[in-house]
Amino acid sequence: MILSIFPYDVIRLAHMKGALIYFFYAMIIQITVSKIELKSPSIPKFLPIIGLIVVMNYLLFVSFEMAEIISESFRILACFFEWMGYFP
């Protein structure tokens, strides 16, 4: 909700705080679900692997987003990994 209330191009700091909250908890949930899926014998093993790929995308996004402070050239990579979290 915070992300939609504060657009990136209008109030960047509030948007980034909302993004940090979202991605942090999304990673916790995804890791928890992947662990449960790995323990279940009836679920194919590729599903938790896909979940962990999403977590890696989020980690790369956060890393490049923080690196954007150092150099603006990391912005494209951050945007790429942010959206790549949807495809798996």
Foldseek 3Di string as FASTA:
>chain_A
DQLVVDDCVHDVVSNVVVVVVVLVVLLVVLQVVLVVQVPDPVHDNVVNVLSVVLNVLSVQLVVLVVCCVVPVVSVVVNVVSVVVSPPD
